[in-house]
Amino acid sequence: MRVTVAYSPAPREVLEWQLELPAGATLRQAVLASGLPNAVPTLALEQADVGVWGRKARWEQPLRDLDRVEVYRPLRVDPKVARRERFQKQGARATGLFAGRRPGGKPGY
């Protein structure tokens, strides 16, 4: 079966490996066969989250033909905290549904 293993070490940078694996291979076997641990030695695989086609999966999950295995890097900032900080920096008037209201326009338009 054919499988793609993908890892993004930085924004807008993706490393991909096309693999031929035996039927019944797991996510762990695909990642190890790809050579990712050797290509990115600083990556702690046991702490990394993995997924298939953008959906989180377990390391023991069996793969199917043409699956795309993705190894996710850890988040640097919690998205909720980042949004809260952006909102505080912009102020309440510059955000929300009516932020782009034209001068003299009716409320809600």
N, C-alpha and C. Protein backbone atom coordinates (compact mmCIF):
# COMPACT_ATOMS: atom_id res chain seq x y z
N MET A 1 0.85 -1.18 0.00
CA MET A 1 0.00 0.00 0.00
C MET A 1 0.89 1.23 0.00
N ARG A 2 0.41 2.29 -0.62
CA ARG A 2 1.16 3.54 -0.70
C ARG A 2 0.66 4.52 0.36
N VAL A 3 1.61 5.16 1.05
CA VAL A 3 1.31 6.08 2.14
C VAL A 3 2.24 7.29 2.02
N THR A 4 1.73 8.46 2.40
CA THR A 4 2.55 9.67 2.46
C THR A 4 2.70 10.06 3.91
N VAL A 5 3.94 10.37 4.33
CA VAL A 5 4.21 10.87 5.67
C VAL A 5 4.63 12.33 5.52
N ALA A 6 4.00 13.22 6.28
CA ALA A 6 4.28 14.65 6.18
C ALA A 6 4.58 15.24 7.56
N TYR A 7 5.54 16.17 7.57
CA TYR A 7 5.89 16.90 8.79
C TYR A 7 6.26 18.31 8.40
N SER A 8 5.79 19.28 9.17
CA SER A 8 6.09 20.68 8.91
C SER A 8 6.95 21.23 10.04
N PRO A 9 8.26 21.37 9.83
CA PRO A 9 9.12 21.87 10.90
C PRO A 9 8.94 23.36 11.18
N ALA A 10 8.40 24.11 10.21
CA ALA A 10 8.19 25.55 10.35
C ALA A 10 7.02 25.95 9.47
N PRO A 11 6.43 27.12 9.70
CA PRO A 11 5.33 27.56 8.84
C PRO A 11 5.77 27.62 7.37
N ARG A 12 4.90 27.18 6.49
CA ARG A 12 5.10 27.17 5.04
C ARG A 12 6.31 26.33 4.61
N GLU A 13 6.63 25.31 5.40
CA GLU A 13 7.71 24.38 5.06
C GLU A 13 7.22 22.98 5.39
N VAL A 14 7.18 22.09 4.39
CA VAL A 14 6.66 20.75 4.60
C VAL A 14 7.65 19.72 4.06
N LEU A 15 7.94 18.72 4.88
CA LEU A 15 8.75 17.59 4.45
C LEU A 15 7.80 16.42 4.20
N GLU A 16 7.93 15.77 3.03
CA GLU A 16 7.04 14.66 2.69
C GLU A 16 7.85 13.46 2.21
N TRP A 17 7.36 12.28 2.56
CA TRP A 17 7.96 11.04 2.11
C TRP A 17 6.85 10.17 1.54
N GLN A 18 7.07 9.61 0.34
CA GLN A 18 6.15 8.65 -0.27
C GLN A 18 6.69 7.26 0.05
N LEU A 19 5.86 6.39 0.63
CA LEU A 19 6.31 5.07 1.07
C LEU A 19 5.46 3.96 0.48
N GLU A 20 6.06 2.81 0.31
CA GLU A 20 5.35 1.56 0.00
C GLU A 20 5.46 0.68 1.24
N LEU A 21 4.34 0.38 1.86
CA LEU A 21 4.33 -0.41 3.10
C LEU A 21 3.48 -1.66 2.91
N PRO A 22 3.73 -2.69 3.71
CA PRO A 22 2.88 -3.88 3.64
C PRO A 22 1.49 -3.58 4.21
N ALA A 23 0.52 -4.34 3.79
CA ALA A 23 -0.84 -4.17 4.29
C ALA A 23 -0.87 -4.37 5.80
N GLY A 24 -1.64 -3.55 6.49
CA GLY A 24 -1.76 -3.65 7.94
C GLY A 24 -0.72 -2.86 8.70
N ALA A 25 0.10 -2.08 8.01
CA ALA A 25 1.12 -1.28 8.69
C ALA A 25 0.44 -0.20 9.54
N THR A 26 1.10 0.16 10.64
CA THR A 26 0.54 1.16 11.55
C THR A 26 1.18 2.52 11.32
N LEU A 27 0.62 3.52 11.97
CA LEU A 27 1.17 4.87 11.89
C LEU A 27 2.62 4.89 12.35
N ARG A 28 2.92 4.24 13.45
CA ARG A 28 4.29 4.22 13.98
C ARG A 28 5.26 3.62 12.95
N GLN A 29 4.86 2.52 12.31
CA GLN A 29 5.72 1.88 11.32
C GLN A 29 5.95 2.80 10.13
N ALA A 30 4.94 3.54 9.73
CA ALA A 30 5.09 4.45 8.60
C ALA A 30 6.04 5.59 8.93
N VAL A 31 5.91 6.16 10.12
CA VAL A 31 6.78 7.28 10.51
C VAL A 31 8.23 6.80 10.63
N LEU A 32 8.44 5.64 11.22
CA LEU A 32 9.80 5.12 11.36
C LEU A 32 10.40 4.77 10.00
N ALA A 33 9.59 4.22 9.09
CA ALA A 33 10.07 3.86 7.76
C ALA A 33 10.39 5.09 6.92
N SER A 34 9.77 6.22 7.23
CA SER A 34 10.00 7.44 6.45
C SER A 34 11.37 8.04 6.67
N GLY A 35 11.97 7.75 7.80
CA GLY A 35 13.26 8.37 8.13
C GLY A 35 13.10 9.71 8.81
N LEU A 36 11.91 10.06 9.23
CA LEU A 36 11.67 11.33 9.92
C LEU A 36 12.51 11.48 11.18
N PRO A 37 12.65 10.45 12.01
CA PRO A 37 13.48 10.63 13.21
C PRO A 37 14.93 11.00 12.88
N ASN A 38 15.45 10.52 11.74
CA ASN A 38 16.81 10.86 11.34
C ASN A 38 16.87 12.25 10.71
N ALA A 39 15.83 12.64 9.97
CA ALA A 39 15.81 13.94 9.30
C ALA A 39 15.64 15.08 10.29
N VAL A 40 14.87 14.85 11.36
CA VAL A 40 14.63 15.87 12.38
C VAL A 40 14.95 15.25 13.74
N PRO A 41 16.24 15.20 14.11
CA PRO A 41 16.59 14.52 15.36
C PRO A 41 16.09 15.23 16.62
N THR A 42 15.75 16.51 16.53
CA THR A 42 15.27 17.23 17.71
C THR A 42 13.80 16.93 18.01
N LEU A 43 13.12 16.28 17.09
CA LEU A 43 11.69 15.97 17.26
C LEU A 43 11.52 14.80 18.24
N ALA A 44 10.74 15.02 19.29
CA ALA A 44 10.43 13.96 20.26
C ALA A 44 9.16 13.26 19.79
N LEU A 45 9.33 12.15 19.10
CA LEU A 45 8.18 11.47 18.49
C LEU A 45 7.14 11.01 19.49
N GLU A 46 7.56 10.54 20.66
CA GLU A 46 6.60 10.02 21.63
C GLU A 46 5.68 11.12 22.17
N GLN A 47 6.15 12.37 22.18
CA GLN A 47 5.31 13.48 22.64
C GLN A 47 4.53 14.12 21.49
N ALA A 48 4.91 13.84 20.25
CA ALA A 48 4.27 14.47 19.09
C ALA A 48 2.88 13.86 18.87
N ASP A 49 1.97 14.70 18.42
CA ASP A 49 0.65 14.22 18.02
C ASP A 49 0.72 13.82 16.55
N VAL A 50 -0.06 12.81 16.18
CA VAL A 50 -0.11 12.36 14.80
C VAL A 50 -1.55 12.29 14.34
N GLY A 51 -1.73 12.29 13.04
CA GLY A 51 -3.06 12.20 12.48
C GLY A 51 -3.03 11.63 11.08
N VAL A 52 -4.20 11.31 10.59
CA VAL A 52 -4.37 10.83 9.22
C VAL A 52 -5.36 11.77 8.56
N TRP A 53 -4.89 12.42 7.49
CA TRP A 53 -5.72 13.38 6.76
C TRP A 53 -6.34 14.44 7.68
N GLY A 54 -5.55 14.97 8.61
CA GLY A 54 -6.00 16.07 9.46
C GLY A 54 -6.82 15.66 10.66
N ARG A 55 -7.03 14.39 10.87
CA ARG A 55 -7.77 13.91 12.04
C ARG A 55 -6.80 13.20 12.97
N LYS A 56 -6.84 13.58 14.24
CA LYS A 56 -5.92 13.00 15.22
C LYS A 56 -6.12 11.49 15.29
N ALA A 57 -4.99 10.78 15.41
CA ALA A 57 -5.04 9.32 15.44
C ALA A 57 -4.05 8.79 16.48
N ARG A 58 -4.16 7.50 16.77
CA ARG A 58 -3.24 6.84 17.69
C ARG A 58 -2.07 6.26 16.91
N TRP A 59 -0.96 6.06 17.59
CA TRP A 59 0.23 5.50 16.94
C TRP A 59 -0.02 4.08 16.44
N GLU A 60 -0.94 3.35 17.07
CA GLU A 60 -1.19 1.95 16.72
C GLU A 60 -2.24 1.80 15.62
N GLN A 61 -2.80 2.89 15.13
CA GLN A 61 -3.87 2.79 14.13
C GLN A 61 -3.35 2.19 12.83
N PRO A 62 -4.05 1.18 12.29
CA PRO A 62 -3.64 0.62 11.01
C PRO A 62 -3.96 1.60 9.88
N LEU A 63 -3.14 1.59 8.85
CA LEU A 63 -3.31 2.51 7.73
C LEU A 63 -3.98 1.82 6.56
N ARG A 64 -4.52 2.65 5.65
CA ARG A 64 -5.11 2.16 4.42
C ARG A 64 -4.33 2.73 3.25
N ASP A 65 -4.55 2.18 2.08
CA ASP A 65 -3.87 2.65 0.88
C ASP A 65 -4.17 4.13 0.64
N LEU A 66 -3.16 4.89 0.27
CA LEU A 66 -3.24 6.33 -0.06
C LEU A 66 -3.50 7.22 1.14
N ASP A 67 -3.30 6.74 2.36
CA ASP A 67 -3.44 7.58 3.55
C ASP A 67 -2.32 8.61 3.61
N ARG A 68 -2.59 9.74 4.22
CA ARG A 68 -1.58 10.78 4.46
C ARG A 68 -1.39 10.87 5.97
N VAL A 69 -0.23 10.45 6.44
CA VAL A 69 0.10 10.49 7.87
C VAL A 69 0.75 11.84 8.14
N GLU A 70 0.27 12.53 9.16
CA GLU A 70 0.79 13.84 9.51
C GLU A 70 1.31 13.82 10.94
N VAL A 71 2.54 14.33 11.11
CA VAL A 71 3.13 14.46 12.43
C VAL A 71 3.08 15.93 12.77
N TYR A 72 2.42 16.27 13.87
CA TYR A 72 2.19 17.67 14.22
C TYR A 72 3.24 18.18 15.19
N ARG A 73 3.70 19.41 14.97
CA ARG A 73 4.63 20.02 15.92
C ARG A 73 3.82 20.64 17.05
N PRO A 74 4.41 20.78 18.23
CA PRO A 74 3.66 21.35 19.37
C PRO A 74 3.36 22.83 19.16
N LEU A 75 2.27 23.27 19.74
CA LEU A 75 1.90 24.68 19.67
C LEU A 75 2.83 25.50 20.56
N ARG A 76 3.20 26.68 20.08
CA ARG A 76 4.03 27.58 20.90
C ARG A 76 3.16 28.42 21.83
N VAL A 77 1.98 28.78 21.35
CA VAL A 77 1.07 29.63 22.11
C VAL A 77 -0.32 29.00 22.06
N ASP A 78 -1.00 29.03 23.18
CA ASP A 78 -2.38 28.55 23.23
C ASP A 78 -3.24 29.48 22.36
N PRO A 79 -4.01 28.96 21.40
CA PRO A 79 -4.82 29.81 20.52
C PRO A 79 -5.79 30.73 21.27
N LYS A 80 -6.33 30.26 22.39
CA LYS A 80 -7.25 31.11 23.16
C LYS A 80 -6.52 32.31 23.75
N VAL A 81 -5.32 32.08 24.25
CA VAL A 81 -4.53 33.17 24.82
C VAL A 81 -4.14 34.15 23.72
N ALA A 82 -3.73 33.65 22.56
CA ALA A 82 -3.33 34.52 21.45
C ALA A 82 -4.50 35.40 21.01
N ARG A 83 -5.70 34.84 20.92
CA ARG A 83 -6.87 35.61 20.52
C ARG A 83 -7.18 36.69 21.55
N ARG A 84 -7.11 36.33 22.82
CA ARG A 84 -7.38 37.29 23.90
C ARG A 84 -6.39 38.45 23.84
N GLU A 85 -5.11 38.15 23.61
CA GLU A 85 -4.09 39.20 23.52
C GLU A 85 -4.30 40.09 22.30
N ARG A 86 -4.67 39.48 21.17
CA ARG A 86 -4.96 40.28 19.96
C ARG A 86 -6.12 41.22 20.20
N PHE A 87 -7.16 40.73 20.85
CA PHE A 87 -8.34 41.53 21.13
C PHE A 87 -7.98 42.72 22.03
N GLN A 88 -7.17 42.46 23.05
CA GLN A 88 -6.77 43.55 23.95
C GLN A 88 -5.93 44.58 23.22
N LYS A 89 -5.08 44.14 22.32
CA LYS A 89 -4.21 45.07 21.58
C LYS A 89 -5.02 45.92 20.60
N GLN A 90 -6.02 45.33 19.93
CA GLN A 90 -6.82 46.05 18.94
C GLN A 90 -7.85 46.97 19.59
N GLY A 91 -8.36 46.58 20.72
CA GLY A 91 -9.42 47.34 21.37
C GLY A 91 -10.77 46.86 20.89
N ALA A 92 -11.80 47.13 21.65
CA ALA A 92 -13.14 46.63 21.35
C ALA A 92 -13.74 47.29 20.12
N ARG A 93 -13.38 48.52 19.80
CA ARG A 93 -14.00 49.20 18.67
C ARG A 93 -13.52 48.69 17.32
N ALA A 94 -12.33 48.11 17.26
CA ALA A 94 -11.77 47.68 15.98
C ALA A 94 -12.11 46.24 15.64
N THR A 95 -12.90 45.57 16.48
CA THR A 95 -13.19 44.17 16.23
C THR A 95 -14.69 43.95 16.22
N GLY A 96 -15.07 42.79 15.79
CA GLY A 96 -16.47 42.40 15.86
C GLY A 96 -17.19 42.54 14.54
N LEU A 97 -18.48 42.33 14.58
CA LEU A 97 -19.31 42.26 13.39
C LEU A 97 -19.42 43.60 12.66
N PHE A 98 -19.43 44.71 13.39
CA PHE A 98 -19.66 46.01 12.76
C PHE A 98 -18.41 46.87 12.71
N ALA A 99 -17.23 46.25 12.73
CA ALA A 99 -15.98 47.01 12.74
C ALA A 99 -15.79 47.79 11.45
N GLY A 100 -16.25 47.27 10.32
CA GLY A 100 -16.04 47.93 9.04
C GLY A 100 -17.24 48.76 8.59
N ARG A 101 -18.06 49.23 9.52
CA ARG A 101 -19.27 49.99 9.18
C ARG A 101 -18.90 51.29 8.50
N ARG A 102 -19.60 51.64 7.43
CA ARG A 102 -19.29 52.89 6.72
C ARG A 102 -19.81 54.08 7.52
N PRO A 103 -19.15 55.23 7.41
CA PRO A 103 -19.59 56.43 8.15
C PRO A 103 -21.01 56.83 7.78
N GLY A 104 -21.80 57.08 8.77
CA GLY A 104 -23.19 57.52 8.54
C GLY A 104 -24.13 56.37 8.23
N GLY A 105 -23.64 55.14 8.20
CA GLY A 105 -24.49 54.01 7.88
C GLY A 105 -25.38 53.62 9.05
N LYS A 106 -26.46 52.91 8.74
CA LYS A 106 -27.36 52.45 9.79
C LYS A 106 -26.67 51.39 10.63
N PRO A 107 -27.04 51.27 11.89
CA PRO A 107 -26.48 50.19 12.70
C PRO A 107 -26.79 48.83 12.08
N GLY A 108 -25.76 48.00 11.96
CA GLY A 108 -25.96 46.66 11.40
C GLY A 108 -25.73 46.58 9.91
N TYR A 109 -25.37 47.71 9.28
CA TYR A 109 -25.13 47.68 7.82
C TYR A 109 -23.76 48.21 7.51
